[in-house]
């Protein structure tokens, strides 16, 4: 267990570097029972900077949301209003719940109100990070966004059998890194970093083999048996594999828009840990999400109660328009 000094140091990294909290800022810290002791440390650091933090323990919703994927993710009305009135929103809860919470209208509204919003990953007190490491991931994201400007289509392949194309034409990129900007989409920090797009809703075709983390079906880590999605004109028309594939089929069954490939993204961080939801931000991985993209992603048009990410490991990614490679066999080659 990390000592108090190390936890305080990492809390300062979150407050000072990632969120750049300033005097008189209004800060809402959303937590659950498991992480409330860390929320208090973040609260203390914010107070030392002259900000006005308030801790909101949302344990009831987090607990129910983790037990039932269909339980509403939208926050209670008083928390929704607090988010809209905040300069910074720091979420330190169960990470999978926080990932799903990122796709509610309250987050979109907070961004529209020019707030900074992020969730904090596990391990505070043991990250061993510096500002320079965070800036390196941000630089990689910005380089990729520049390379993909104006691109219509990408092709993703893996040795496990993934082979699909995704259309991102006219869809702005989201830079989701640990150095948060006002109005920028919510994402975890400080280990994770990714570039994400609202996939054109009818523009993904091929085979997606999920061999990493699959969110929303109650897994503690990566899948034991690969889950294969057959995608035609943006919809997962088949989901095959073992027990985990069956669980995913049951989760999305009957949920409007939940079979649509709503998001395409790839990781740019060298420190995001495998086997956790944060692996979505690891260099060499790509991920697609089934479900909603209208709340979180510019240009997204698919409305759904679900947003479930599936990770593809050791990916190769090529720009179809030009033949240029971004990834080869999980290595960054841009």
Foldseek 3Di string as FASTA:
>chain_A
DFDPVLLLVLLCCLPCFLANQAAAFEEEEEEEPVCVVSVVSNVVVNVVRNYHYDYDHPHVQLVVCLVAVLRFLDDPPVVLVSLLVGQEYEYEYQVLSVVFNLQDQSQLNSLVSFHWYEYEDPDRSHQPDDSVQQVQLLVLQVVVQVVCVQFFKKWKAAPVGFTKMWGQHPFHKAWAASNTGGSGRYYYDDQFTKIKTFTPFQGMATKDWFQWDKGDQNDQFGDPWIWIFGDHRFFRPDTDIPPSSVSVCVSCPPWAQQRGFGMKMAARGCRQDTGHPRCRNHQQKIKTWGFDDPRGTPPTDTHTSGTIIGMDGQMWMARPVPRHTQHHRRHGDD
